[in-house]
PDB file of N, CA and C in Angstrom:
ATOM      1  N   MET A   1      48.764  43.451 -56.869  1.00  0.00           N
ATOM      2  CA  MET A   1      47.498  43.929 -57.102  1.00  0.00           C
ATOM      3  C   MET A   1      47.137  43.768 -58.551  1.00  0.00           C
ATOM      4  N   GLY A   2      48.015  42.821 -59.294  1.00  0.00           N
ATOM      5  CA  GLY A   2      47.526  42.580 -60.690  1.00  0.00           C
ATOM      6  C   GLY A   2      46.560  41.918 -60.684  1.00  0.00           C
ATOM      7  N   TRP A   3      45.514  40.969 -59.739  1.00  0.00           N
ATOM      8  CA  TRP A   3      44.683  40.633 -59.871  1.00  0.00           C
ATOM      9  C   TRP A   3      43.629  41.712 -60.119  1.00  0.00           C
ATOM     10  N   LEU A   4      43.757  42.622 -59.139  1.00  0.00           N
ATOM     11  CA  LEU A   4      42.719  43.918 -59.178  1.00  0.00           C
ATOM     12  C   LEU A   4      42.569  44.374 -60.730  1.00  0.00           C
ATOM     13  N   ILE A   5      43.531  44.434 -61.196  1.00  0.00           N
ATOM     14  CA  ILE A   5      43.593  45.249 -62.659  1.00  0.00           C
ATOM     15  C   ILE A   5      42.951  44.479 -63.624  1.00  0.00           C
ATOM     16  N   TRP A   6      43.259  42.880 -63.610  1.00  0.00           N
ATOM     17  CA  TRP A   6      42.885  42.157 -64.463  1.00  0.00           C
ATOM     18  C   TRP A   6      41.400  41.921 -64.131  1.00  0.00           C
ATOM     19  N   SER A   7      40.948  41.412 -62.861  1.00  0.00           N
ATOM     20  CA  SER A   7      39.370  41.388 -62.698  1.00  0.00           C
ATOM     21  C   SER A   7      38.925  42.944 -63.013  1.00  0.00           C
ATOM     22  N   GLY A   8      39.332  44.136 -62.882  1.00  0.00           N
ATOM     23  CA  GLY A   8      38.554  45.425 -63.071  1.00  0.00           C
ATOM     24  C   GLY A   8      38.311  45.202 -64.714  1.00  0.00           C
ATOM     25  N   ALA A   9      39.539  44.657 -65.305  1.00  0.00           N
ATOM     26  CA  ALA A   9      39.173  44.776 -66.902  1.00  0.00           C
ATOM     27  C   ALA A   9      38.296  43.985 -66.938  1.00  0.00           C
ATOM     28  N   ALA A  10      38.063  42.683 -66.635  1.00  0.00           N
ATOM     29  CA  ALA A  10      36.765  41.647 -67.141  1.00  0.00           C
ATOM     30  C   ALA A  10      35.804  42.399 -66.698  1.00  0.00           C
ATOM     31  N   VAL A  11      35.408  42.933 -65.432  1.00  0.00           N
ATOM     32  CA  VAL A  11      34.186  43.572 -65.075  1.00  0.00           C
ATOM     33  C   VAL A  11      33.758  44.786 -66.220  1.00  0.00           C
ATOM     34  N   SER A  12      34.914  45.494 -66.771  1.00  0.00           N
ATOM     35  CA  SER A  12      34.675  46.655 -67.453  1.00  0.00           C
ATOM     36  C   SER A  12      34.257  46.079 -68.945  1.00  0.00           C
ATOM     37  N   VAL A  13      34.932  44.805 -69.125  1.00  0.00           N
ATOM     38  CA  VAL A  13      34.575  44.372 -70.468  1.00  0.00           C
ATOM     39  C   VAL A  13      32.781  43.768 -70.617  1.00  0.00           C
ATOM     40  N   ALA A  14      32.817  43.140 -69.522  1.00  0.00           N
ATOM     41  CA  ALA A  14      31.438  42.538 -69.231  1.00  0.00           C
ATOM     42  C   ALA A  14      30.307  44.075 -69.272  1.00  0.00           C
ATOM     43  N   GLY A  15      30.693  44.867 -68.957  1.00  0.00           N
ATOM     44  CA  GLY A  15      29.818  46.172 -68.755  1.00  0.00           C
ATOM     45  C   GLY A  15      29.889  46.780 -70.235  1.00  0.00           C
ATOM     46  N   LEU A  16      30.605  46.761 -71.042  1.00  0.00           N
ATOM     47  CA  LEU A  16      30.854  46.972 -72.099  1.00  0.00           C
ATOM     48  C   LEU A  16      29.973  45.969 -73.063  1.00  0.00           C
ATOM     49  N   ALA A  17      30.060  44.884 -72.865  1.00  0.00           N
ATOM     50  CA  ALA A  17      29.215  43.587 -73.643  1.00  0.00           C
ATOM     51  C   ALA A  17      27.802  44.275 -73.148  1.00  0.00           C
ATOM     52  N   GLY A  18      27.269  44.356 -72.306  1.00  0.00           N
ATOM     53  CA  GLY A  18      26.084  45.122 -72.048  1.00  0.00           C
ATOM     54  C   GLY A  18      25.509  46.095 -72.602  1.00  0.00           C
ATOM     55  N   LEU A  19      26.459  47.054 -72.566  1.00  0.00           N
ATOM     56  CA  LEU A  19      26.258  48.128 -73.780  1.00  0.00           C
ATOM     57  C   LEU A  19      26.039  48.062 -74.680  1.00  0.00           C
ATOM     58  N   ILE A  20      26.831  47.022 -75.456  1.00  0.00           N
ATOM     59  CA  ILE A  20      26.519  46.827 -76.799  1.00  0.00           C
ATOM     60  C   ILE A  20      25.351  46.165 -77.283  1.00  0.00           C
ATOM     61  N   TRP A  21      24.815  45.247 -76.320  1.00  0.00           N
ATOM     62  CA  TRP A  21      23.660  44.507 -76.351  1.00  0.00           C
ATOM     63  C   TRP A  21      22.484  45.551 -76.460  1.00  0.00           C
ATOM     64  N   CYS A  22      22.638  46.392 -75.492  1.00  0.00           N
ATOM     65  CA  CYS A  22      21.671  47.602 -75.437  1.00  0.00           C
ATOM     66  C   CYS A  22      21.295  48.366 -76.845  1.00  0.00           C
ATOM     67  N   ILE A  23      22.551  48.746 -77.382  1.00  0.00           N
ATOM     68  CA  ILE A  23      22.676  49.771 -78.468  1.00  0.00           C
ATOM     69  C   ILE A  23      21.906  48.519 -79.635  1.00  0.00           C
ATOM     70  N   TRP A  24      22.591  47.372 -79.347  1.00  0.00           N
ATOM     71  CA  TRP A  24      21.714  46.666 -80.816  1.00  0.00           C
ATOM     72  C   TRP A  24      20.615  46.337 -80.454  1.00  0.00           C
ATOM     73  N   GLN A  25      20.038  46.232 -79.615  1.00  0.00           N
ATOM     74  CA  GLN A  25      18.488  46.210 -79.080  1.00  0.00           C
ATOM     75  C   GLN A  25      17.598  47.148 -79.356  1.00  0.00           C
ATOM     76  N   VAL A  26      18.231  48.148 -79.349  1.00  0.00           N
ATOM     77  CA  VAL A  26      17.391  49.817 -79.825  1.00  0.00           C
ATOM     78  C   VAL A  26      17.571  49.919 -81.129  1.00  0.00           C
ATOM     79  N   TRP A  27      18.610  49.259 -81.548  1.00  0.00           N
ATOM     80  CA  TRP A  27      18.843  49.875 -83.048  1.00  0.00           C
ATOM     81  C   TRP A  27      17.769  48.849 -84.071  1.00  0.00           C
ATOM     82  N   THR A  28      17.662  47.436 -83.612  1.00  0.00           N
ATOM     83  CA  THR A  28      16.723  46.456 -83.984  1.00  0.00           C
ATOM     84  C   THR A  28      15.205  46.999 -84.107  1.00  0.00           C
ATOM     85  N   ALA A  29      15.160  47.379 -83.015  1.00  0.00           N
ATOM     86  CA  ALA A  29      13.734  47.988 -83.058  1.00  0.00           C
ATOM     87  C   ALA A  29      13.552  48.945 -83.652  1.00  0.00           C
ATOM     88  N   ARG A  30      14.406  50.048 -83.857  1.00  0.00           N
ATOM     89  CA  ARG A  30      14.529  51.359 -84.651  1.00  0.00           C
ATOM     90  C   ARG A  30      14.160  50.886 -86.003  1.00  0.00           C
ATOM     91  N   ARG A  31      15.176  49.731 -86.868  1.00  0.00           N
ATOM     92  CA  ARG A  31      15.025  49.447 -88.059  1.00  0.00           C
ATOM     93  C   ARG A  31      13.501  48.767 -88.391  1.00  0.00           C
ATOM     94  N   ALA A  32      12.863  47.889 -87.124  1.00  0.00           N
ATOM     95  CA  ALA A  32      11.477  47.154 -87.649  1.00  0.00           C
ATOM     96  C   ALA A  32      10.638  47.988 -87.843  1.00  0.00           C
ATOM     97  N   GLN A  33      10.802  49.686 -87.275  1.00  0.00           N
ATOM     98  CA  GLN A  33       9.931  50.599 -87.985  1.00  0.00           C
ATOM     99  C   GLN A  33       8.486  50.364 -87.199  1.00  0.00           C
ATOM    100  N   LEU A  34       9.074  50.131 -85.904  1.00  0.00           N
ATOM    101  CA  LEU A  34       7.376  50.166 -85.207  1.00  0.00           C
ATOM    102  C   LEU A  34       6.495  51.181 -84.570  1.00  0.00           C
ATOM    103  N   PRO A  35       5.397  51.041 -84.183  1.00  0.00           N
ATOM    104  CA  PRO A  35       4.920  52.393 -83.961  1.00  0.00           C
ATOM    105  C   PRO A  35       5.594  52.981 -82.642  1.00  0.00           C
ATOM    106  N   ASP A  36       5.172  54.376 -82.698  1.00  0.00           N
ATOM    107  CA  ASP A  36       5.667  54.860 -81.628  1.00  0.00           C
ATOM    108  C   ASP A  36       5.697  54.745 -80.223  1.00  0.00           C
ATOM    109  N   GLU A  37       4.713  54.052 -79.735  1.00  0.00           N
ATOM    110  CA  GLU A  37       4.250  53.850 -78.357  1.00  0.00           C
ATOM    111  C   GLU A  37       5.108  52.267 -78.274  1.00  0.00           C
ATOM    112  N   GLU A  38       4.973  51.489 -79.185  1.00  0.00           N
ATOM    113  CA  GLU A  38       6.106  50.020 -79.233  1.00  0.00           C
ATOM    114  C   GLU A  38       7.274  50.410 -78.864  1.00  0.00           C
ATOM    115  N   LEU A  39       7.835  51.322 -79.721  1.00  0.00           N
ATOM    116  CA  LEU A  39       9.097  51.823 -79.791  1.00  0.00           C
ATOM    117  C   LEU A  39       9.746  52.101 -78.238  1.00  0.00           C
ATOM    118  N   ARG A  40       8.877  53.135 -78.107  1.00  0.00           N
ATOM    119  CA  ARG A  40       8.826  53.625 -76.452  1.00  0.00           C
ATOM    120  C   ARG A  40       9.190  52.497 -75.599  1.00  0.00           C
ATOM    121  N   ALA A  41       8.193  51.452 -75.756  1.00  0.00           N
ATOM    122  CA  ALA A  41       8.311  50.644 -74.689  1.00  0.00           C
ATOM    123  C   ALA A  41       9.413  49.872 -74.605  1.00  0.00           C
ATOM    124  N   ARG A  42       9.837  49.420 -75.757  1.00  0.00           N
ATOM    125  CA  ARG A  42      10.795  48.569 -75.669  1.00  0.00           C
ATOM    126  C   ARG A  42      12.262  49.202 -75.286  1.00  0.00           C
ATOM    127  N   VAL A  43      12.780  50.857 -75.588  1.00  0.00           N
ATOM    128  CA  VAL A  43      13.761  51.614 -74.790  1.00  0.00           C
ATOM    129  C   VAL A  43      13.356  51.656 -73.479  1.00  0.00           C
ATOM    130  N   ARG A  44      12.094  52.065 -73.095  1.00  0.00           N
ATOM    131  CA  ARG A  44      11.903  51.903 -71.664  1.00  0.00           C
ATOM    132  C   ARG A  44      12.162  50.603 -71.078  1.00  0.00           C
ATOM    133  N   ARG A  45      12.121  49.227 -71.538  1.00  0.00           N
ATOM    134  CA  ARG A  45      12.593  48.274 -70.907  1.00  0.00           C
ATOM    135  C   ARG A  45      13.891  47.698 -70.960  1.00  0.00           C
ATOM    136  N   VAL A  46      14.760  48.648 -72.207  1.00  0.00           N
ATOM    137  CA  VAL A  46      16.312  48.418 -72.211  1.00  0.00           C
ATOM    138  C   VAL A  46      16.920  49.331 -71.258  1.00  0.00           C
ATOM    139  N   MET A  47      16.192  50.513 -71.270  1.00  0.00           N
ATOM    140  CA  MET A  47      17.082  51.448 -70.325  1.00  0.00           C
ATOM    141  C   MET A  47      17.563  51.176 -68.993  1.00  0.00           C
ATOM    142  N   PRO A  48      16.700  50.522 -68.297  1.00  0.00           N
ATOM    143  CA  PRO A  48      17.535  50.061 -67.105  1.00  0.00           C
ATOM    144  C   PRO A  48      18.652  49.146 -66.960  1.00  0.00           C
ATOM    145  N   ILE A  49      18.639  48.311 -68.027  1.00  0.00           N
ATOM    146  CA  ILE A  49      19.535  47.394 -68.539  1.00  0.00           C
ATOM    147  C   ILE A  49      21.087  48.299 -68.288  1.00  0.00           C
ATOM    148  N   ASN A  50      20.699  49.373 -69.529  1.00  0.00           N
ATOM    149  CA  ASN A  50      21.709  50.143 -70.240  1.00  0.00           C
ATOM    150  C   ASN A  50      22.032  50.887 -69.124  1.00  0.00           C
ATOM    151  N   MET A  51      21.589  51.296 -67.840  1.00  0.00           N
ATOM    152  CA  MET A  51      22.331  52.098 -67.021  1.00  0.00           C
ATOM    153  C   MET A  51      23.104  50.908 -65.848  1.00  0.00           C
ATOM    154  N   GLY A  52      22.411  50.179 -65.793  1.00  0.00           N
ATOM    155  CA  GLY A  52      23.470  49.027 -64.925  1.00  0.00           C
ATOM    156  C   GLY A  52      24.666  48.459 -65.569  1.00  0.00           C
ATOM    157  N   ALA A  53      24.681  48.318 -67.023  1.00  0.00           N
ATOM    158  CA  ALA A  53      25.871  48.037 -67.603  1.00  0.00           C
ATOM    159  C   ALA A  53      26.867  49.153 -67.541  1.00  0.00           C
ATOM    160  N   LEU A  54      26.278  50.349 -67.694  1.00  0.00           N
ATOM    161  CA  LEU A  54      27.487  51.591 -67.717  1.00  0.00           C
ATOM    162  C   LEU A  54      27.903  51.875 -66.138  1.00  0.00           C
ATOM    163  N   MET A  55      27.220  51.117 -65.194  1.00  0.00           N
ATOM    164  CA  MET A  55      27.887  51.267 -63.794  1.00  0.00           C
ATOM    165  C   MET A  55      28.759  50.170 -63.613  1.00  0.00           C
ATOM    166  N   PHE A  56      28.276  49.018 -64.159  1.00  0.00           N
ATOM    167  CA  PHE A  56      29.386  48.059 -64.178  1.00  0.00           C
ATOM    168  C   PHE A  56      30.529  48.308 -65.049  1.00  0.00           C
ATOM    169  N   SER A  57      30.549  48.907 -66.338  1.00  0.00           N
ATOM    170  CA  SER A  57      31.796  49.438 -66.666  1.00  0.00           C
ATOM    171  C   SER A  57      32.539  50.372 -66.211  1.00  0.00           C
ATOM    172  N   VAL A  58      31.749  51.532 -65.379  1.00  0.00           N
ATOM    173  CA  VAL A  58      32.535  52.323 -64.551  1.00  0.00           C
ATOM    174  C   VAL A  58      33.299  51.708 -63.223  1.00  0.00           C
ATOM    175  N   LEU A  59      32.512  50.584 -62.949  1.00  0.00           N
ATOM    176  CA  LEU A  59      33.245  50.060 -61.687  1.00  0.00           C
ATOM    177  C   LEU A  59      34.643  49.379 -61.928  1.00  0.00           C
ATOM    178  N   GLY A  60      34.427  48.602 -62.924  1.00  0.00           N
ATOM    179  CA  GLY A  60      35.637  47.686 -63.627  1.00  0.00           C
ATOM    180  C   GLY A  60      36.559  48.891 -63.684  1.00  0.00           C
ATOM    181  N   LEU A  61      36.406  49.648 -64.522  1.00  0.00           N
ATOM    182  CA  LEU A  61      37.524  50.916 -64.814  1.00  0.00           C
ATOM    183  C   LEU A  61      37.966  51.644 -63.225  1.00  0.00           C
ATOM    184  N   MET A  62      37.272  51.753 -62.490  1.00  0.00           N
ATOM    185  CA  MET A  62      37.746  52.165 -61.301  1.00  0.00           C
ATOM    186  C   MET A  62      38.402  51.126 -60.555  1.00  0.00           C
ATOM    187  N   MET A  63      38.130  50.005 -60.562  1.00  0.00           N
ATOM    188  CA  MET A  63      39.091  49.013 -60.414  1.00  0.00           C
ATOM    189  C   MET A  63      40.502  49.047 -60.620  1.00  0.00           C
ATOM    190  N   VAL A  64      40.673  49.133 -61.826  1.00  0.00           N
ATOM    191  CA  VAL A  64      41.424  49.307 -62.796  1.00  0.00           C
ATOM    192  C   VAL A  64      42.444  50.211 -62.182  1.00  0.00           C
ATOM    193  N   ILE A  65      42.130  51.522 -61.864  1.00  0.00           N
ATOM    194  CA  ILE A  65      42.689  52.502 -61.758  1.00  0.00           C
ATOM    195  C   ILE A  65      43.197  52.234 -60.238  1.00  0.00           C
ATOM    196  N   LEU A  66      42.620  51.796 -59.397  1.00  0.00           N
ATOM    197  CA  LEU A  66      43.008  51.521 -57.785  1.00  0.00           C
ATOM    198  C   LEU A  66      43.848  50.468 -58.075  1.00  0.00           C
ATOM    199  N   GLY A  67      43.535  49.739 -58.897  1.00  0.00           N
ATOM    200  CA  GLY A  67      44.997  48.530 -58.927  1.00  0.00           C
ATOM    201  C   GLY A  67      46.021  49.222 -59.221  1.00  0.00           C
ATOM    202  N   ILE A  68      46.368  50.347 -60.404  1.00  0.00           N
ATOM    203  CA  ILE A  68      47.634  50.891 -60.746  1.00  0.00           C
ATOM    204  C   ILE A  68      47.808  51.649 -59.629  1.00  0.00           C
ATOM    205  N   PHE A  69      46.921  52.231 -59.147  1.00  0.00           N
ATOM    206  CA  PHE A  69      47.520  53.350 -57.951  1.00  0.00           C
ATOM    207  C   PHE A  69      48.220  52.393 -56.812  1.00  0.00           C
ATOM    208  N   LEU A  70      47.410  51.561 -56.775  1.00  0.00           N
ATOM    209  CA  LEU A  70      48.160  50.553 -55.350  1.00  0.00           C
ATOM    210  C   LEU A  70      49.371  49.726 -55.830  1.00  0.00           C
ATOM    211  N   GLY A  71      49.409  49.239 -56.734  1.00  0.00           N
ATOM    212  CA  GLY A  71      50.319  48.755 -57.331  1.00  0.00           C
ATOM    213  C   GLY A  71      51.661  49.386 -57.756  1.00  0.00           C
TER     214      GLY A  71
END
């Protein structure tokens, strides 16, 4: 079950990279001091990617736990 642990770790790291990208996008939008409506539009655009990255990271962690449990 080592392959499940390592593939789960890779999926989790990919999800974490997506979360960091989302944080970076919102942070740069806030630092640009955009008008409120444009800032809301950017956050609205990043939100589905953020939720997907979070789900991807959780699935990776579940794979790791399942690999440890079965191994």
